[in-house]
C-alpha atoms as a PDB file:
ATOM      1  CA  MET A   1      -5.474 -13.166 137.491  1.00  0.00           C
ATOM      2  CA  LYS A   2      -8.260 -15.566 136.647  1.00  0.00           C
ATOM      3  CA  ILE A   3     -12.011 -14.999 137.053  1.00  0.00           C
ATOM      4  CA  VAL A   4     -15.097 -17.039 136.202  1.00  0.00           C
ATOM      5  CA  VAL A   5     -18.047 -15.351 134.491  1.00  0.00           C
ATOM      6  CA  VAL A   6     -21.535 -16.846 134.264  1.00  0.00           C
ATOM      7  CA  SER A   7     -24.930 -15.436 133.352  1.00  0.00           C
ATOM      8  CA  ASP A   8     -28.592 -16.162 132.824  1.00  0.00           C
ATOM      9  CA  SER A   9     -28.870 -19.311 134.935  1.00  0.00           C
ATOM     10  CA  HIS A  10     -32.622 -18.685 135.303  1.00  0.00           C
ATOM     11  CA  GLY A  11     -33.183 -20.682 138.458  1.00  0.00           C
ATOM     12  CA  ASP A  12     -30.732 -23.494 137.705  1.00  0.00           C
ATOM     13  CA  ARG A  13     -29.230 -23.352 141.185  1.00  0.00           C
ATOM     14  CA  GLY A  14     -27.512 -26.707 140.707  1.00  0.00           C
ATOM     15  CA  ILE A  15     -25.129 -25.501 138.014  1.00  0.00           C
ATOM     16  CA  ILE A  16     -24.244 -22.402 140.046  1.00  0.00           C
ATOM     17  CA  GLN A  17     -23.541 -24.618 143.073  1.00  0.00           C
ATOM     18  CA  GLU A  18     -21.287 -26.803 140.909  1.00  0.00           C
ATOM     19  CA  LEU A  19     -19.401 -23.746 139.573  1.00  0.00           C
ATOM     20  CA  VAL A  20     -18.890 -22.400 143.084  1.00  0.00           C
ATOM     21  CA  SER A  21     -17.734 -25.813 144.328  1.00  0.00           C
ATOM     22  CA  LYS A  22     -15.285 -26.140 141.449  1.00  0.00           C
ATOM     23  CA  TYR A  23     -13.808 -22.613 141.460  1.00  0.00           C
ATOM     24  CA  ALA A  24     -14.253 -20.988 144.900  1.00  0.00           C
ATOM     25  CA  GLY A  25     -10.848 -20.184 146.338  1.00  0.00           C
ATOM     26  CA  LYS A  26      -9.106 -21.020 143.057  1.00  0.00           C
ATOM     27  CA  VAL A  27      -9.961 -17.822 141.151  1.00  0.00           C
ATOM     28  CA  ALA A  28      -9.999 -14.123 142.008  1.00  0.00           C
ATOM     29  CA  GLY A  29     -13.785 -14.081 141.745  1.00  0.00           C
ATOM     30  CA  ILE A  30     -16.927 -15.664 140.362  1.00  0.00           C
ATOM     31  CA  PHE A  31     -19.039 -13.060 138.584  1.00  0.00           C
ATOM     32  CA  HIS A  32     -22.740 -13.619 137.783  1.00  0.00           C
ATOM     33  CA  CYS A  33     -24.136 -11.209 135.186  1.00  0.00           C
ATOM     34  CA  GLY A  34     -27.734 -11.496 136.362  1.00  0.00           C
ATOM     35  CA  ASP A  35     -30.938 -13.424 135.803  1.00  0.00           C
ATOM     36  CA  SER A  36     -29.843 -15.939 138.412  1.00  0.00           C
ATOM     37  CA  GLU A  37     -33.329 -15.937 139.947  1.00  0.00           C
ATOM     38  CA  LEU A  38     -31.660 -16.771 143.256  1.00  0.00           C
ATOM     39  CA  PRO A  39     -33.205 -15.367 146.438  1.00  0.00           C
ATOM     40  CA  LEU A  40     -31.127 -12.781 148.262  1.00  0.00           C
ATOM     41  CA  ASP A  41     -30.701 -15.080 151.279  1.00  0.00           C
ATOM     42  CA  ASP A  42     -29.367 -18.052 149.277  1.00  0.00           C
ATOM     43  CA  PRO A  43     -25.956 -19.050 150.714  1.00  0.00           C
ATOM     44  CA  LEU A  44     -24.500 -19.108 147.179  1.00  0.00           C
ATOM     45  CA  VAL A  45     -24.995 -15.353 146.833  1.00  0.00           C
ATOM     46  CA  SER A  46     -22.224 -14.644 149.344  1.00  0.00           C
ATOM     47  CA  GLN A  47     -19.762 -16.500 147.115  1.00  0.00           C
ATOM     48  CA  LEU A  48     -20.590 -14.521 143.965  1.00  0.00           C
ATOM     49  CA  GLN A  49     -20.274 -11.030 142.639  1.00  0.00           C
ATOM     50  CA  ILE A  50     -23.831 -10.780 141.345  1.00  0.00           C
ATOM     51  CA  VAL A  51     -26.095  -8.188 139.753  1.00  0.00           C
ATOM     52  CA  ARG A  52     -29.798  -7.914 139.110  1.00  0.00           C
ATOM     53  CA  GLY A  53     -31.102  -8.984 135.734  1.00  0.00           C
ATOM     54  CA  ASN A  54     -34.471  -8.203 134.224  1.00  0.00           C
ATOM     55  CA  MET A  55     -35.836 -11.551 135.522  1.00  0.00           C
ATOM     56  CA  ASP A  56     -34.511 -11.216 139.075  1.00  0.00           C
ATOM     57  CA  PHE A  57     -36.761 -10.231 141.936  1.00  0.00           C
ATOM     58  CA  ALA A  58     -34.069 -10.085 144.611  1.00  0.00           C
ATOM     59  CA  GLU A  59     -32.629  -6.646 145.283  1.00  0.00           C
ATOM     60  CA  PHE A  60     -29.179  -7.286 143.879  1.00  0.00           C
ATOM     61  CA  PRO A  61     -27.278  -4.178 142.730  1.00  0.00           C
ATOM     62  CA  GLU A  62     -27.799  -3.034 139.132  1.00  0.00           C
ATOM     63  CA  GLN A  63     -24.032  -3.024 138.616  1.00  0.00           C
ATOM     64  CA  VAL A  64     -20.862  -3.789 140.517  1.00  0.00           C
ATOM     65  CA  VAL A  65     -17.499  -2.148 139.889  1.00  0.00           C
ATOM     66  CA  GLN A  66     -14.574  -4.019 141.376  1.00  0.00           C
ATOM     67  CA  GLU A  67     -10.828  -3.793 140.945  1.00  0.00           C
ATOM     68  CA  VAL A  68      -8.940  -7.067 140.440  1.00  0.00           C
ATOM     69  CA  ASN A  69      -5.172  -7.045 139.838  1.00  0.00           C
ATOM     70  CA  GLY A  70      -5.231  -3.386 138.853  1.00  0.00           C
ATOM     71  CA  LYS A  71      -8.050  -3.849 136.329  1.00  0.00           C
ATOM     72  CA  ARG A  72     -11.394  -2.155 136.894  1.00  0.00           C
ATOM     73  CA  ILE A  73     -14.230  -4.611 136.201  1.00  0.00           C
ATOM     74  CA  LEU A  74     -17.799  -3.535 135.480  1.00  0.00           C
ATOM     75  CA  LEU A  75     -20.406  -6.233 136.076  1.00  0.00           C
ATOM     76  CA  THR A  76     -23.902  -5.549 134.727  1.00  0.00           C
ATOM     77  CA  HIS A  77     -26.738  -7.494 133.145  1.00  0.00           C
ATOM     78  CA  GLY A  78     -26.912  -5.234 130.094  1.00  0.00           C
ATOM     79  CA  HIS A  79     -30.656  -4.757 129.670  1.00  0.00           C
ATOM     80  CA  HIS A  80     -30.473  -1.128 130.867  1.00  0.00           C
ATOM     81  CA  GLN A  81     -27.827  -0.476 128.196  1.00  0.00           C
ATOM     82  CA  ASN A  82     -29.949  -2.184 125.506  1.00  0.00           C
ATOM     83  CA  VAL A  83     -27.277  -4.742 124.591  1.00  0.00           C
ATOM     84  CA  ASN A  84     -29.756  -6.505 122.292  1.00  0.00           C
ATOM     85  CA  GLY A  85     -29.308  -3.500 120.004  1.00  0.00           C
ATOM     86  CA  GLY A  86     -25.496  -3.437 120.126  1.00  0.00           C
ATOM     87  CA  LEU A  87     -22.729  -2.491 122.518  1.00  0.00           C
ATOM     88  CA  LEU A  88     -22.497   1.286 122.020  1.00  0.00           C
ATOM     89  CA  ASN A  89     -24.607   2.242 125.058  1.00  0.00           C
ATOM     90  CA  LEU A  90     -22.762  -0.283 127.199  1.00  0.00           C
ATOM     91  CA  GLU A  91     -19.406   0.992 125.980  1.00  0.00           C
ATOM     92  CA  LEU A  92     -20.296   4.608 126.737  1.00  0.00           C
ATOM     93  CA  TYR A  93     -21.537   3.631 130.185  1.00  0.00           C
ATOM     94  CA  ALA A  94     -18.410   1.554 130.877  1.00  0.00           C
ATOM     95  CA  ARG A  95     -16.151   4.408 129.770  1.00  0.00           C
ATOM     96  CA  SER A  96     -17.958   6.769 132.154  1.00  0.00           C
ATOM     97  CA  LEU A  97     -16.951   4.366 134.958  1.00  0.00           C
ATOM     98  CA  SER A  98     -13.364   3.946 133.654  1.00  0.00           C
ATOM     99  CA  ALA A  99     -13.802   0.187 133.253  1.00  0.00           C
ATOM    100  CA  ASP A 100     -11.091  -2.000 131.760  1.00  0.00           C
ATOM    101  CA  ILE A 101     -13.211  -5.169 131.619  1.00  0.00           C
ATOM    102  CA  VAL A 102     -16.974  -5.254 131.032  1.00  0.00           C
ATOM    103  CA  LEU A 103     -18.969  -8.364 131.940  1.00  0.00           C
ATOM    104  CA  PHE A 104     -22.577  -8.609 130.806  1.00  0.00           C
ATOM    105  CA  GLY A 105     -25.302 -11.059 129.848  1.00  0.00           C
ATOM    106  CA  HIS A 106     -28.958 -10.681 128.840  1.00  0.00           C
ATOM    107  CA  THR A 107     -28.632 -11.775 125.196  1.00  0.00           C
ATOM    108  CA  HIS A 108     -27.971 -15.447 126.059  1.00  0.00           C
ATOM    109  CA  GLN A 109     -25.300 -15.368 123.316  1.00  0.00           C
ATOM    110  CA  LEU A 110     -21.625 -15.701 124.095  1.00  0.00           C
ATOM    111  CA  GLY A 111     -19.166 -13.221 122.705  1.00  0.00           C
ATOM    112  CA  ALA A 112     -15.977 -11.343 123.484  1.00  0.00           C
ATOM    113  CA  THR A 113     -14.452  -8.300 121.901  1.00  0.00           C
ATOM    114  CA  PHE A 114     -11.629  -5.888 122.688  1.00  0.00           C
ATOM    115  CA  ASP A 115     -12.093  -2.271 121.689  1.00  0.00           C
ATOM    116  CA  ASP A 116      -9.828   0.672 122.519  1.00  0.00           C
ATOM    117  CA  GLN A 117      -8.242  -1.045 125.545  1.00  0.00           C
ATOM    118  CA  MET A 118     -11.577  -2.313 126.906  1.00  0.00           C
ATOM    119  CA  LEU A 119     -12.502  -6.015 127.055  1.00  0.00           C
ATOM    120  CA  PHE A 120     -16.196  -6.935 126.698  1.00  0.00           C
ATOM    121  CA  VAL A 121     -17.270 -10.469 127.637  1.00  0.00           C
ATOM    122  CA  ASN A 122     -20.687 -12.083 127.501  1.00  0.00           C
ATOM    123  CA  PRO A 123     -20.429 -15.648 128.843  1.00  0.00           C
ATOM    124  CA  GLY A 124     -23.658 -16.684 127.138  1.00  0.00           C
ATOM    125  CA  SER A 125     -26.385 -18.364 129.139  1.00  0.00           C
ATOM    126  CA  ILE A 126     -25.466 -21.347 131.306  1.00  0.00           C
ATOM    127  CA  ALA A 127     -29.111 -22.529 131.208  1.00  0.00           C
ATOM    128  CA  ASP A 128     -30.787 -21.322 128.017  1.00  0.00           C
ATOM    129  CA  PRO A 129     -28.243 -20.461 125.305  1.00  0.00           C
ATOM    130  CA  ARG A 130     -29.223 -18.828 122.035  1.00  0.00           C
ATOM    131  CA  GLY A 131     -27.538 -18.139 118.749  1.00  0.00           C
ATOM    132  CA  GLN A 132     -24.699 -19.872 116.971  1.00  0.00           C
ATOM    133  CA  TYR A 133     -23.524 -21.811 120.044  1.00  0.00           C
ATOM    134  CA  ALA A 134     -26.920 -22.807 121.470  1.00  0.00           C
ATOM    135  CA  SER A 135     -26.219 -26.465 120.691  1.00  0.00           C
ATOM    136  CA  LEU A 136     -23.498 -26.456 123.383  1.00  0.00           C
ATOM    137  CA  GLY A 137     -26.284 -26.492 125.972  1.00  0.00           C
ATOM    138  CA  GLY A 138     -24.890 -23.653 128.070  1.00  0.00           C
ATOM    139  CA  THR A 139     -21.589 -21.854 128.547  1.00  0.00           C
ATOM    140  CA  TYR A 140     -19.588 -19.793 130.987  1.00  0.00           C
ATOM    141  CA  ALA A 141     -16.256 -18.013 130.549  1.00  0.00           C
ATOM    142  CA  ILE A 142     -12.904 -18.027 132.287  1.00  0.00           C
ATOM    143  CA  ILE A 143     -10.907 -14.840 131.824  1.00  0.00           C
ATOM    144  CA  SER A 144      -7.164 -14.997 132.463  1.00  0.00           C
ATOM    145  CA  MET A 145      -4.766 -12.095 132.340  1.00  0.00           C
ATOM    146  CA  ASP A 146      -1.001 -12.093 132.175  1.00  0.00           C
ATOM    147  CA  GLN A 147       1.322  -9.159 131.537  1.00  0.00           C
ATOM    148  CA  LYS A 148       0.407  -8.863 127.845  1.00  0.00           C
ATOM    149  CA  TYR A 149      -2.854 -10.702 127.104  1.00  0.00           C
ATOM    150  CA  TYR A 150      -6.398 -11.293 128.157  1.00  0.00           C
ATOM    151  CA  THR A 151      -7.461 -14.855 127.380  1.00  0.00           C
ATOM    152  CA  VAL A 152     -11.148 -15.728 127.300  1.00  0.00           C
ATOM    153  CA  GLN A 153     -11.887 -19.452 127.367  1.00  0.00           C
ATOM    154  CA  TYR A 154     -15.484 -20.586 127.023  1.00  0.00           C
ATOM    155  CA  CYS A 155     -16.465 -23.790 128.808  1.00  0.00           C
ATOM    156  CA  ASN A 156     -19.537 -26.003 128.684  1.00  0.00           C
ATOM    157  CA  ARG A 157     -21.746 -27.256 131.530  1.00  0.00           C
ATOM    158  CA  GLN A 158     -19.420 -30.225 131.988  1.00  0.00           C
ATOM    159  CA  PHE A 159     -16.600 -27.765 132.841  1.00  0.00           C
ATOM    160  CA  GLU A 160     -14.732 -28.634 129.653  1.00  0.00           C
ATOM    161  CA  PRO A 161     -13.082 -25.959 127.505  1.00  0.00           C
ATOM    162  CA  VAL A 162     -14.903 -25.595 124.185  1.00  0.00           C
ATOM    163  CA  ALA A 163     -12.578 -26.203 121.233  1.00  0.00           C
ATOM    164  CA  ASN A 164     -12.051 -23.111 119.080  1.00  0.00           C
ATOM    165  CA  LEU A 165     -13.599 -20.841 121.728  1.00  0.00           C
ATOM    166  CA  GLU A 166     -10.433 -19.499 123.287  1.00  0.00           C
ATOM    167  CA  LEU A 167      -9.798 -15.879 122.374  1.00  0.00           C
ATOM    168  CA  ARG A 168      -6.652 -13.835 123.089  1.00  0.00           C
ATOM    169  CA  PHE A 169      -6.478 -10.077 123.134  1.00  0.00           C
ATOM    170  CA  PRO A 170      -3.230  -8.106 123.570  1.00  0.00           C
ATOM    171  CA  PHE A 171      -3.457  -5.022 125.746  1.00  0.00           C
END
């Protein structure tokens, strides 16, 4: 299984179009964690699993739960779970939905962690990154799963893997 995760594109339709062109049909899904600022009738929307962020006006769902290769994925923006204050609310919410993988954005800061058999991934912002990796100019994540490991590889806007930003988690 391989999925692409992007978030917080804030109206940068061009980079989303490039991601879709590069990965559509080659991965099990392209997940957008919100604040796309795309209109609901944009043709790109049909090629994404997408949720509503706090800066979206389109009526996207607040969360999506989808099963991919036997893993239950929760896609949410994270603002309703107050992810700026930590992951506890998000974790409790994800556990109530029996999620295995949790994809979220909102903070504009990339990060991945594995806690009690649950993988949490924030791809960072593709358009307006913050924090330690802001100088990269924007990131997205590719999550791969084999029989023993989740691998999270962060990539830049040029679709290049970022050195030292590949994380492996045994499950």
